[in-house]
Protein backbone atom coordinates (compact mmCIF):
# COMPACT_ATOMS: atom_id res chain seq x y z
CA MET A 1 -40.58 -3.58 -5.21
CA CYS A 2 -41.67 -3.55 -1.89
CA CYS A 3 -39.20 -3.42 1.00
CA ASP A 4 -39.67 -4.49 4.58
CA TRP A 5 -38.08 -1.46 6.01
CA LEU A 6 -38.79 -2.75 9.68
CA LYS A 7 -36.86 -6.01 8.88
CA GLU A 8 -34.29 -4.02 7.22
CA TYR A 9 -33.69 -1.81 10.22
CA ARG A 10 -33.38 -4.97 12.53
CA THR A 11 -31.09 -6.59 10.30
CA ARG A 12 -28.87 -3.49 10.26
CA HIS A 13 -29.13 -3.12 13.93
CA THR A 14 -27.95 -6.74 14.68
CA VAL A 15 -25.22 -6.64 12.15
CA GLY A 16 -24.10 -3.35 13.94
CA LEU A 17 -23.82 -5.20 17.24
CA GLN A 18 -22.29 -8.31 15.83
CA ILE A 19 -19.60 -6.20 14.11
CA ARG A 20 -18.89 -4.03 17.19
CA ARG A 21 -18.47 -7.29 19.41
CA THR A 22 -16.03 -8.67 16.79
CA VAL A 23 -14.04 -5.38 16.70
CA VAL A 24 -13.83 -5.14 20.46
CA SER A 25 -12.45 -8.81 20.79
CA ILE A 26 -9.63 -8.54 18.26
CA SER A 27 -7.50 -6.41 20.15
CA LYS A 28 -7.41 -8.73 23.28
CA ARG A 29 -6.94 -11.78 20.89
CA PHE A 30 -4.27 -10.32 18.63
CA PHE A 31 -2.55 -7.71 20.41
CA THR A 32 0.75 -9.72 20.78
CA GLU A 33 0.58 -11.13 17.33
CA VAL A 34 1.19 -8.01 15.46
CA VAL A 35 4.55 -8.34 13.71
CA SER A 36 6.38 -5.69 11.53
CA ASN A 37 3.50 -3.15 11.84
CA LEU A 38 1.20 -5.90 9.91
CA MET A 39 -1.64 -7.36 11.67
CA VAL A 40 -3.14 -10.62 10.01
CA CYS A 41 -6.23 -11.79 11.81
CA ASN A 42 -8.65 -14.50 10.90
CA PHE A 43 -11.40 -12.27 9.48
CA ALA A 44 -13.45 -15.54 8.44
CA GLU A 45 -15.78 -14.68 11.55
CA ILE A 46 -16.84 -11.53 9.74
CA GLU A 47 -17.57 -13.11 6.57
CA SER A 48 -19.31 -15.82 8.36
CA LEU A 49 -21.95 -13.71 9.81
CA GLY A 50 -23.66 -13.94 6.51
CA ALA A 51 -24.75 -10.19 6.90
CA PRO A 52 -25.14 -8.08 3.91
CA GLU A 53 -21.76 -6.65 2.76
CA HIS A 54 -22.96 -2.94 2.84
CA PHE A 55 -24.40 -3.27 6.70
CA CYS A 56 -21.06 -4.53 7.60
CA GLU A 57 -19.09 -1.74 5.85
CA ASP A 58 -21.70 0.83 7.18
CA GLU A 59 -20.94 0.06 10.74
CA LEU A 60 -17.27 0.04 10.33
CA LEU A 61 -17.47 3.34 8.63
CA SER A 62 -19.49 4.44 11.60
CA ILE A 63 -16.76 3.51 14.08
CA LEU A 64 -14.21 5.23 12.06
CA ASN A 65 -16.26 8.44 11.68
CA SER A 66 -16.76 8.93 15.30
CA ASP A 67 -14.94 11.23 17.62
CA LYS A 68 -11.56 11.28 16.32
CA ARG A 69 -9.79 11.46 19.49
CA LYS A 70 -11.72 8.61 21.25
CA SER A 71 -12.18 5.02 20.74
CA LEU A 72 -8.80 4.72 18.85
CA THR A 73 -8.27 0.95 19.44
CA LEU A 74 -11.65 0.39 17.95
CA LYS A 75 -10.90 2.37 15.03
CA TYR A 76 -7.62 0.81 14.44
CA TYR A 77 -9.11 -2.59 14.06
CA ALA A 78 -12.11 -1.49 12.22
CA LYS A 79 -9.74 0.15 9.72
CA LYS A 80 -7.93 -3.16 9.12
CA ILE A 81 -11.30 -5.04 8.76
CA LEU A 82 -12.54 -2.56 6.37
CA TYR A 83 -9.36 -2.82 4.45
CA PHE A 84 -9.47 -6.60 4.28
CA LEU A 85 -13.15 -6.80 3.30
CA ARG A 86 -12.88 -4.31 0.38
CA GLN A 87 -9.83 -6.09 -0.86
CA GLN A 88 -11.74 -9.50 -0.87
CA ASN A 89 -14.44 -7.83 -2.92
CA ILE A 90 -11.92 -6.22 -5.39
CA LEU A 91 -10.10 -9.47 -5.73
CA ARG A 92 -13.53 -11.11 -6.68
CA GLY A 93 -14.07 -8.28 -9.28
CA LEU A 94 -10.59 -8.73 -10.79
CA LYS A 95 -11.26 -12.52 -10.95
CA LEU A 96 -14.41 -11.81 -13.02
CA PHE A 97 -12.44 -9.45 -15.22
CA LEU A 98 -9.79 -11.89 -15.91
CA GLU A 99 -12.62 -14.42 -17.11
CA GLN A 100 -13.78 -12.01 -19.83
CA PRO A 101 -12.81 -12.54 -23.50
CA ALA A 102 -9.45 -10.76 -24.21
CA GLU A 103 -11.31 -8.35 -26.67
CA ARG A 104 -13.57 -7.24 -23.79
CA GLN A 105 -10.73 -6.33 -21.42
CA SER A 106 -9.77 -2.83 -21.01
CA ALA A 107 -6.28 -1.95 -19.72
CA LEU A 108 -7.87 0.95 -18.03
CA GLU A 109 -10.27 -1.12 -15.94
CA GLY A 110 -7.52 -3.41 -15.06
CA ALA A 111 -5.37 -0.45 -13.97
CA VAL A 112 -8.27 0.83 -11.84
CA LEU A 113 -8.69 -2.64 -10.15
CA VAL A 114 -4.87 -2.71 -9.30
CA ASP A 115 -5.35 0.90 -7.83
CA GLN A 116 -8.55 -0.08 -5.84
CA TYR A 117 -6.67 -3.19 -4.43
CA CYS A 118 -3.73 -1.11 -3.25
CA ASN A 119 -5.74 1.80 -2.01
CA PRO A 120 -9.08 -0.16 -0.67
CA LEU A 121 -9.84 2.75 1.63
CA THR A 122 -9.65 5.38 -1.01
CA ASP A 123 -12.69 6.42 -3.19
CA VAL A 124 -11.62 5.27 -6.56
CA SER A 125 -14.11 3.90 -9.23
CA LEU A 126 -14.11 3.10 -12.82
CA ASP A 127 -16.87 5.66 -13.32
CA SER A 128 -15.05 8.58 -11.75
CA ILE A 129 -11.79 7.78 -13.68
CA SER A 130 -13.56 7.47 -16.83
CA SER A 131 -15.48 10.76 -16.24
CA GLN A 132 -12.15 12.49 -15.81
CA LEU A 133 -10.82 10.88 -19.23
CA ASP A 134 -14.08 12.20 -20.96
CA GLU A 135 -13.27 15.68 -19.92
CA ILE A 136 -9.84 15.39 -21.31
CA THR A 137 -11.34 13.84 -24.39
CA ASP A 138 -13.63 16.84 -24.71
CA LYS A 139 -10.50 19.00 -24.56
CA VAL A 140 -8.80 17.15 -27.39
CA LYS A 141 -11.86 17.43 -29.51
CA LYS A 142 -11.87 21.14 -28.83
CA MET A 143 -8.25 21.44 -30.23
CA LEU A 144 -9.25 19.28 -33.33
CA ARG A 145 -12.17 21.38 -33.95
CA ILE A 146 -9.83 24.36 -34.30
CA LYS A 147 -7.65 22.33 -36.72
CA ASN A 148 -10.24 20.36 -38.69
CA PRO A 149 -14.09 21.29 -38.08
CA SER A 150 -15.14 18.23 -40.14
CA HIS A 151 -12.95 15.50 -38.35
CA PRO A 152 -15.03 12.31 -37.99
CA SER A 153 -13.82 12.12 -34.35
CA LEU A 154 -15.94 15.13 -33.49
CA SER A 155 -19.15 13.54 -34.35
CA GLN A 156 -18.73 10.51 -32.06
CA SER A 157 -20.58 10.41 -28.90
CA GLN A 158 -19.02 9.22 -25.62
CA GLY A 159 -18.74 5.55 -25.57
CA ASP A 160 -18.55 5.29 -29.32
CA CYS A 161 -14.91 4.34 -30.38
CA SER A 162 -15.40 3.64 -33.98
CA PRO A 163 -11.77 3.60 -35.38
CA VAL A 164 -10.71 6.42 -37.80
CA GLY A 165 -9.32 4.78 -40.97
CA ASP A 166 -7.37 7.70 -42.53
CA PHE A 167 -3.93 7.93 -41.51
CA GLU A 168 -3.67 11.71 -41.76
CA LEU A 169 -7.07 12.16 -39.62
CA GLN A 170 -5.26 9.73 -37.00
CA ARG A 171 -2.29 11.98 -37.22
CA GLN A 172 -4.37 15.12 -36.37
CA VAL A 173 -5.82 13.21 -33.42
CA VAL A 174 -2.53 12.15 -32.06
CA ALA A 175 -1.12 15.78 -32.49
CA ALA A 176 -4.07 17.32 -30.66
CA LEU A 177 -3.88 14.68 -27.87
CA ASN A 178 -0.16 15.75 -27.38
CA VAL A 179 -0.85 19.41 -27.22
CA VAL A 180 -3.66 18.87 -24.53
CA LEU A 181 -1.98 16.37 -22.53
CA TYR A 182 1.42 17.73 -22.26
CA GLU A 183 1.27 21.41 -23.08
CA GLN A 184 -2.04 22.32 -21.79
CA LEU A 185 -2.42 19.85 -18.91
CA GLN A 186 1.17 19.60 -18.19
CA TYR A 187 1.31 15.88 -17.77
CA LYS A 188 4.95 14.41 -17.38
CA GLY A 189 7.08 11.55 -16.55
CA ASN A 190 8.15 11.57 -13.05
CA GLU A 191 11.70 11.41 -13.39
CA CYS A 192 12.58 12.87 -9.92
CA ASP A 193 10.75 10.33 -8.21
CA TYR A 194 10.47 7.35 -10.58
CA TYR A 195 9.78 4.53 -7.74
CA ASN A 196 7.16 6.30 -5.92
CA PRO A 197 4.23 3.86 -5.94
CA LEU A 198 1.77 6.74 -6.51
CA ASN A 199 3.08 6.95 -10.09
CA SER A 200 1.26 3.51 -10.77
CA TYR A 201 -1.92 4.40 -9.45
CA ILE A 202 -4.15 5.78 -12.25
CA HIS A 203 -6.28 8.00 -9.72
CA GLN A 204 -2.88 9.60 -8.63
CA VAL A 205 -1.78 10.04 -12.04
CA LEU A 206 -4.69 11.96 -12.88
CA LEU A 207 -4.57 13.75 -9.67
CA ARG A 208 -0.87 14.64 -9.85
CA ARG A 209 -0.42 14.57 -13.78
CA THR A 210 2.79 12.43 -13.55
CA GLY A 211 3.56 8.82 -13.72
CA ILE A 212 5.71 6.10 -15.06
CA PRO A 213 5.88 4.80 -18.77
CA ILE A 214 3.07 2.05 -18.25
CA SER A 215 0.56 4.18 -16.15
CA LEU A 216 0.84 7.16 -18.58
CA SER A 217 0.52 4.68 -21.69
CA VAL A 218 -2.53 3.28 -20.34
CA LEU A 219 -3.89 6.87 -20.01
CA TYR A 220 -2.55 7.94 -23.51
CA MET A 221 -3.99 4.57 -25.26
CA THR A 222 -7.30 5.04 -23.74
CA LEU A 223 -7.71 8.66 -24.72
CA ALA A 224 -6.52 7.91 -28.15
CA ARG A 225 -9.04 4.99 -28.58
CA LYS A 226 -11.68 7.22 -27.39
CA LEU A 227 -10.97 9.40 -30.32
CA GLY A 228 -10.69 6.58 -32.97
CA VAL A 229 -6.85 5.84 -32.95
CA GLN A 230 -6.10 2.11 -32.23
CA LEU A 231 -2.73 2.22 -30.31
CA GLU A 232 -1.35 -1.21 -29.15
CA PRO A 233 0.84 -1.69 -25.85
CA VAL A 234 4.35 -2.96 -26.35
CA ASN A 235 6.14 -4.44 -23.38
CA PHE A 236 9.37 -2.86 -24.30
CA PRO A 237 12.27 -3.72 -21.54
CA ASN A 238 12.60 -0.92 -18.92
CA HIS A 239 10.38 1.54 -20.78
CA PHE A 240 6.96 0.88 -21.79
CA LEU A 241 5.92 2.04 -25.08
CA LEU A 242 2.77 2.14 -27.46
CA ARG A 243 2.81 1.42 -30.96
CA TRP A 244 0.87 2.82 -34.06
CA CYS A 245 0.58 1.14 -37.48
CA GLN A 246 1.46 2.98 -40.34
CA GLN A 247 0.41 0.31 -42.67
CA GLN A 248 -2.47 -2.15 -43.39
CA ARG A 249 -3.52 -3.44 -39.94
CA GLY A 250 -2.31 -7.00 -39.37
CA SER A 251 1.30 -6.27 -40.22
CA GLU A 252 4.01 -7.67 -37.89
CA ASP A 253 6.99 -6.07 -39.50
CA ILE A 254 8.35 -3.83 -36.52
CA TYR A 255 9.38 -1.11 -39.24
CA ASP A 256 5.77 -0.66 -39.96
CA PHE A 257 5.06 1.00 -36.84
CA VAL A 258 5.53 4.23 -35.11
CA TYR A 259 6.21 3.94 -31.27
CA ILE A 260 5.14 6.28 -28.97
CA ASP A 261 6.78 7.20 -25.73
CA ALA A 262 3.92 8.41 -23.37
CA PHE A 263 6.58 9.11 -20.67
CA GLY A 264 8.43 11.49 -23.01
CA LYS A 265 5.61 13.85 -23.82
CA GLY A 266 4.34 11.63 -26.71
CA LYS A 267 7.54 11.55 -28.59
CA GLN A 268 7.38 9.34 -31.68
CA LEU A 269 10.05 6.77 -32.33
CA THR A 270 11.30 4.62 -35.19
CA ALA A 271 12.20 0.92 -34.12
CA LYS A 272 15.86 1.76 -33.99
CA GLU A 273 15.32 5.05 -31.91
CA CYS A 274 13.45 2.57 -29.28
CA GLU A 275 16.85 0.78 -28.92
CA TYR A 276 18.59 4.16 -28.49
CA LEU A 277 16.07 4.92 -25.67
CA ILE A 278 17.23 1.95 -23.50
CA GLY A 279 20.96 1.85 -24.71
CA HIS A 280 21.14 -1.71 -26.33
CA GLN A 281 19.65 -3.95 -28.88
CA VAL A 282 16.69 -6.17 -28.48
CA THR A 283 14.96 -8.90 -30.67
CA ALA A 284 12.05 -8.10 -32.82
CA ASP A 285 9.86 -10.00 -30.10
CA TYR A 286 10.01 -7.08 -27.74
CA TYR A 287 8.22 -4.85 -30.22
CA SER A 288 5.11 -7.07 -30.29
CA ALA A 289 1.76 -5.90 -28.91
CA ILE A 290 0.81 -7.60 -25.61
CA SER A 291 -2.40 -8.42 -24.06
CA THR A 292 -4.49 -6.63 -21.23
CA THR A 293 -3.42 -9.49 -18.88
CA GLU A 294 0.15 -8.88 -19.52
CA VAL A 295 -0.17 -5.17 -19.28
CA LEU A 296 -1.44 -5.87 -15.66
CA LEU A 297 1.40 -8.17 -14.86
CA ARG A 298 3.84 -5.61 -15.87
CA MET A 299 2.24 -2.97 -13.83
CA VAL A 300 1.86 -5.32 -10.71
CA GLY A 301 5.45 -6.41 -11.46
CA ASN A 302 6.60 -2.57 -11.23
CA LEU A 303 4.87 -2.44 -7.57
CA LEU A 304 6.50 -5.67 -6.64
CA ASN A 305 9.93 -4.38 -7.35
CA ILE A 306 9.08 -1.06 -5.29
CA GLY A 307 7.96 -3.09 -2.35
CA LYS A 308 11.22 -5.10 -2.68
CA ARG A 309 13.19 -1.80 -2.79
CA GLY A 310 11.48 -0.63 0.40
CA GLU A 311 13.04 0.11 3.83
CA GLY A 312 11.40 -2.99 5.34
CA ASN A 313 8.67 -0.73 7.15
CA GLU A 314 4.96 -1.19 7.21
CA LYS A 315 4.12 0.53 4.03
CA SER A 316 6.88 -1.53 1.90
CA TYR A 317 5.75 -4.75 3.43
CA GLN A 318 2.15 -4.00 2.63
CA LEU A 319 2.86 -3.03 -0.76
CA LEU A 320 4.82 -6.24 -1.20
CA ARG A 321 1.92 -8.23 0.09
CA ASP A 322 -0.69 -6.27 -1.88
CA SER A 323 1.29 -6.68 -5.25
CA LEU A 324 1.97 -10.28 -4.67
CA ASP A 325 -1.66 -11.02 -4.10
CA LEU A 326 -2.52 -9.16 -7.42
CA TYR A 327 0.25 -10.92 -9.27
CA LEU A 328 -0.75 -14.41 -8.14
CA THR A 329 -4.41 -13.69 -9.01
CA VAL A 330 -3.38 -13.17 -12.53
CA ASN A 331 -0.81 -15.76 -12.64
CA PRO A 332 -1.33 -18.39 -9.83
CA ASP A 333 1.34 -20.80 -10.94
CA ASN A 334 4.34 -18.33 -10.71
CA VAL A 335 6.83 -20.38 -8.75
CA GLN A 336 9.17 -17.29 -8.25
CA TYR A 337 6.43 -15.40 -6.68
CA LEU A 338 4.90 -18.07 -4.73
CA LEU A 339 8.10 -18.53 -3.04
CA LEU A 340 8.66 -14.90 -2.28
CA GLN A 341 5.14 -14.89 -0.81
CA ALA A 342 5.98 -17.85 1.34
CA ARG A 343 9.12 -16.27 2.60
CA LEU A 344 7.46 -12.92 3.08
CA TYR A 345 4.82 -14.48 5.42
CA PHE A 346 7.40 -16.61 7.17
CA HIS A 347 9.63 -13.67 7.82
CA LEU A 348 6.88 -11.78 9.33
CA GLY A 349 5.56 -14.71 11.37
CA ILE A 350 2.07 -14.33 9.92
CA TRP A 351 -0.37 -17.04 8.32
CA PRO A 352 1.78 -20.11 8.99
CA GLU A 353 -1.01 -22.37 7.93
CA LYS A 354 -1.25 -20.59 4.54
CA VAL A 355 2.51 -20.69 4.16
CA LEU A 356 2.04 -24.51 4.23
CA ASP A 357 -0.68 -24.40 1.62
CA ILE A 358 1.69 -22.14 -0.63
CA LEU A 359 4.73 -24.70 0.01
CA GLN A 360 2.59 -27.54 -1.01
CA HIS A 361 1.61 -25.82 -4.09
CA ILE A 362 5.10 -25.07 -5.10
CA GLN A 363 6.28 -28.46 -4.54
CA ALA A 364 3.52 -29.99 -6.94
CA LEU A 365 4.59 -27.20 -9.51
CA ASP A 366 8.18 -27.89 -9.16
CA PRO A 367 9.76 -30.52 -7.38
CA SER A 368 13.31 -29.06 -7.98
CA GLN A 369 12.36 -26.52 -5.15
CA HIS A 370 12.48 -29.22 -2.51
CA GLY A 371 15.35 -27.78 -0.69
CA ALA A 372 13.84 -24.37 -0.07
CA VAL A 373 10.36 -25.84 0.62
CA GLY A 374 11.73 -28.42 3.00
CA TYR A 375 13.44 -25.65 5.05
CA LEU A 376 10.51 -23.27 5.18
CA VAL A 377 8.15 -26.26 6.08
CA GLN A 378 10.12 -27.52 9.06
CA HIS A 379 10.37 -23.93 10.49
CA THR A 380 6.74 -23.17 9.84
CA LEU A 381 5.70 -26.25 11.66
CA GLU A 382 7.94 -25.16 14.52
CA HIS A 383 6.19 -21.74 14.48
CA ILE A 384 2.79 -23.40 14.56
CA GLN A 385 3.77 -25.54 17.46
CA HIS A 386 5.10 -22.39 19.34
CA LYS A 387 1.79 -20.70 18.94
CA LYS A 388 0.17 -23.45 20.75
CA HIS A 389 2.22 -22.75 23.78
CA PRO A 390 2.43 -18.79 23.93
CA VAL A 391 4.84 -17.21 26.31
CA GLU A 392 3.03 -14.87 28.92
CA PRO A 393 3.85 -11.22 28.09
CA GLU A 394 6.35 -9.46 30.52
CA VAL A 395 4.71 -7.23 33.08
CA LYS A 396 6.80 -4.19 33.87
CA ARG A 397 6.11 -2.40 37.14
CA ARG A 398 7.65 0.93 38.09
CA SER A 399 7.80 0.10 41.73
CA VAL A 400 10.39 -2.54 41.42
CA PRO A 401 13.92 -1.59 42.35
CA GLU A 402 15.43 -2.26 39.09
CA HIS A 403 13.27 0.26 37.49
CA VAL A 404 13.70 3.14 39.74
CA GLU A 405 15.63 5.03 37.09
CA VAL A 406 12.65 5.13 34.47
CA GLN A 407 11.56 8.52 34.53
CA TYR A 408 8.96 8.56 31.72
CA SER A 409 5.60 6.51 31.31
CA ILE A 410 3.70 5.23 28.41
CA GLY A 411 1.21 7.64 26.92
CA LEU A 412 3.54 10.71 27.35
CA ILE A 413 4.06 13.03 24.27
CA MET A 414 7.79 13.68 24.16
CA LYS A 415 10.21 15.73 22.14
CA HIS A 416 13.45 14.58 20.81
CA LYS A 417 16.07 17.21 21.95
CA ARG A 418 18.48 17.19 18.92
CA SER A 419 16.14 15.80 16.00
CA GLY A 420 13.21 17.87 17.16
CA TYR A 421 10.66 14.99 16.37
CA ASN A 422 7.51 14.42 18.35
CA CYS A 423 6.49 11.22 19.56
CA VAL A 424 4.43 9.20 22.07
CA ILE A 425 6.04 6.46 24.46
CA TYR A 426 4.50 3.07 24.09
CA GLY A 427 6.99 1.02 25.83
CA TRP A 428 10.37 1.15 27.96
CA ASP A 429 13.35 -1.00 28.92
CA PRO A 430 15.25 -0.10 32.17
CA LYS A 431 18.44 -0.62 30.03
CA CYS A 432 19.00 -0.83 26.36
CA THR A 433 18.06 -4.16 25.33
CA MET A 434 19.29 -4.25 21.55
CA SER A 435 22.11 -6.31 20.24
CA GLN A 436 25.80 -5.33 20.73
CA GLU A 437 25.96 -4.87 16.92
CA TRP A 438 23.17 -2.32 17.14
CA ILE A 439 24.60 -0.51 20.17
CA THR A 440 28.04 -0.09 18.20
CA THR A 441 26.26 0.93 14.99
CA MET A 442 24.19 3.47 16.54
CA ARG A 443 27.24 4.83 18.72
CA VAL A 444 25.40 4.39 22.01
CA HIS A 445 28.86 4.82 23.71
CA GLN A 446 28.95 8.34 22.84
CA LEU A 447 25.89 9.03 25.15
CA SER A 448 26.76 10.20 28.47
CA ARG A 449 25.35 7.13 30.20
CA GLY A 450 25.80 4.71 27.18
CA ALA A 451 23.47 1.64 27.04
CA ASN A 452 23.30 1.63 30.89
CA GLN A 453 20.14 3.75 31.14
CA PRO A 454 16.41 3.53 30.33
CA PHE A 455 15.36 3.19 26.50
CA TYR A 456 11.93 3.91 25.29
CA ASN A 457 9.70 2.50 22.30
CA VAL A 458 8.23 5.55 20.82
CA LEU A 459 5.72 6.17 17.78
CA VAL A 460 7.07 9.17 15.87
CA GLN A 461 4.97 11.76 13.89
CA ASP A 462 6.55 10.76 10.77
CA GLY A 463 5.27 7.26 10.87
CA THR A 464 8.36 5.47 12.16
CA CYS A 465 8.99 3.45 15.30
CA ARG A 466 12.15 4.46 17.27
CA TYR A 467 14.24 3.26 20.30
CA ALA A 468 15.54 6.29 22.34
CA ALA A 469 17.83 7.03 25.34
CA GLN A 470 16.20 8.52 28.09
CA GLU A 471 18.73 11.44 28.06
CA ASN A 472 17.64 12.53 24.70
CA LEU A 473 13.91 12.69 25.41
CA GLU A 474 11.96 15.52 27.22
CA PRO A 475 8.37 15.99 27.94
CA HIS A 476 6.78 18.23 25.15
CA SER A 477 5.89 21.74 26.20
CA SER A 478 2.78 21.77 24.00
CA PRO A 479 1.46 18.06 23.62
CA LEU A 480 -0.25 17.29 20.44
CA GLU A 481 -1.65 14.36 18.81
CA ILE A 482 0.78 11.97 17.03
CA ALA A 483 -0.30 11.11 13.59
CA HIS A 484 1.22 7.43 13.57
CA PRO A 485 -0.73 4.65 12.00
CA GLU A 486 -0.07 2.42 15.05
CA VAL A 487 -1.49 4.65 17.60
CA GLY A 488 -4.75 2.87 17.96
CA ARG A 489 -2.87 -0.34 18.79
CA TYR A 490 -1.55 0.97 21.87
CA PHE A 491 -3.88 3.75 23.02
CA SER A 492 -7.69 4.19 23.33
CA GLU A 493 -8.01 7.95 23.73
CA PHE A 494 -6.06 11.16 23.29
CA HIS A 495 -6.61 13.24 26.27
CA ASP A 496 -5.39 16.72 25.65
CA SER A 497 -1.89 16.27 26.94
CA HIS A 498 -1.30 12.67 26.77
CA TYR A 499 -2.68 9.35 25.35
CA ASN A 500 -4.69 6.87 27.33
CA ALA A 501 -3.09 3.39 27.28
CA ASN A 502 -5.63 0.74 26.06
CA GLU A 503 -6.38 -2.42 28.24
CA GLU A 504 -3.97 -4.45 26.57
CA LEU A 505 -0.99 -2.14 27.21
CA GLN A 506 -2.05 -1.35 30.68
CA THR A 507 -1.77 -5.06 31.52
CA ARG A 508 1.93 -4.86 30.53
CA TYR A 509 2.62 -1.60 32.32
CA PRO A 510 0.06 -1.72 34.99
CA GLU A 511 1.57 1.27 37.08
CA ASP A 512 2.47 3.45 34.08
CA MET A 513 -0.96 5.49 33.62
CA GLU A 514 -1.10 6.82 37.17
CA GLU A 515 2.48 8.15 36.57
CA THR A 516 1.51 9.71 33.20
CA LEU A 517 -1.68 11.47 34.54
CA GLY A 518 0.59 13.00 37.54
CA THR A 519 3.62 13.48 35.60
CA GLY A 520 5.61 16.69 36.12
CA VAL A 521 9.09 15.54 35.48
CA PHE A 522 11.44 17.52 33.12
CA LEU A 523 15.18 16.73 32.67
CA ASN A 524 18.17 18.97 31.85
CA VAL A 525 17.80 20.17 28.46
CA ASP A 526 21.42 20.57 27.93
CA GLN A 527 22.30 17.00 28.10
CA PRO A 528 24.23 15.86 24.89
CA LEU A 529 23.55 13.90 21.79
CA CYS A 530 20.56 12.11 20.67
CA LEU A 531 19.68 8.60 19.55
CA HIS A 532 16.96 7.18 17.53
CA PHE A 533 16.49 4.21 15.44
CA HIS A 534 14.17 3.48 12.61
CA TYR A 535 13.44 -0.28 12.91
CA LEU A 536 10.93 -3.00 12.63
CA MET A 537 8.26 -3.46 14.99
CA THR A 538 9.84 -6.76 15.69
CA SER A 539 12.71 -4.90 17.58
CA CYS A 540 10.14 -3.71 19.95
CA PRO A 541 9.18 -5.65 23.00
């Protein structure tokens, strides 16, 4: 097929200019709307460009791959746009997947889609995952060949999953699979860090060789089917299992099955032993096989619970948002999770118009939710009204008398005297502005000057945001870059010894950069105690 390369080049160039203009404008328009480390922008304008998706992504990647110390704000928003665009594309793929007949839906493909949606900036593909599973399958075949050179699974080509009918031959496959997976490759259940979301992402399970019952079961079931053994997923409470029929297929007697615990190194259990596993009896319904859609809901439900267990930081909120998006794509009429989504957005102060849409949907599905819906509607409308009359941001000048004690400035790389963490200043107050409850909880009175001294908003190397007293900070003797995800929101460049504030931050601290460039202030390193606080961005001015 003939291609007009000149036309393609011109289109690519035009798209590049449009994307850059859009990214540059976002910081000015949305700087004050970032809440709890999450930025929600109206990305409709990106989609409205009508440009080929690969051109948009190519330009965003070009921005992200430029000099790592420069254009930090541009990179910050380019990354968020790329995150959003890829997620929208993955959601479209998930919807197409769910429209397929149940018998054509693969639990592995569903798991990959979940993985991709939660990690849109990571290179995860069904092809790469399948290729890794093919390598494991070859190892199992090698083991099988030693035990039974004439085993029918050995003659199957990749992609041919013809079931093995004889039970003894199936048993040989399962035995070989267990040896390869758990003895040779050392896969195991992650008992020490069970609630780490990485345990639910299939590419991480393959990389780290550890997971939770459902992720290891998807892996185990897929490998078994590649070798001709049909296993079925079982939505057992608190511990996902697989079942393996020992009688004629079609039986629903729970005692006609062996249950496989992929988390427990492939251990085979009877129905009664499954109850011992969780410590209580369950009805026969819990031993039934479930559909791929139900597997996805269980997997996403696990991620939802991890997000709810989180510390209220950026990562836990992002996981909660992503897993809610996935769950409601699969099951759009779940009132419980629709209400959770509305409350989450309301709490974060984001997408008020979307909150109203969600609440309207909830009211139509379940009128008994009128009380909760009414409360959220009222306060969401107040929020929308408030946004129409934004408050001008406070401008802090170092030259005014009440700021005379502020010794440090935005962009300086600092060291915490007692905790030893490295950080960069992105804001300050002449006195502590936190509540009396916080001041008491954090024992501010134990500081030599208590709350009556400058306090600084800092981005810490470990990814947290903290509020530190002046007496507990000192300029870093060997300034270094701070690997914090929000650096680009405030700073445009790292310049050897400090960060240069972007235009929006300079507007709020118009005299600070001159101080940063000429700073030479050092405090007495023997002053006592330290104070830091891991808190939401909503606590930061």
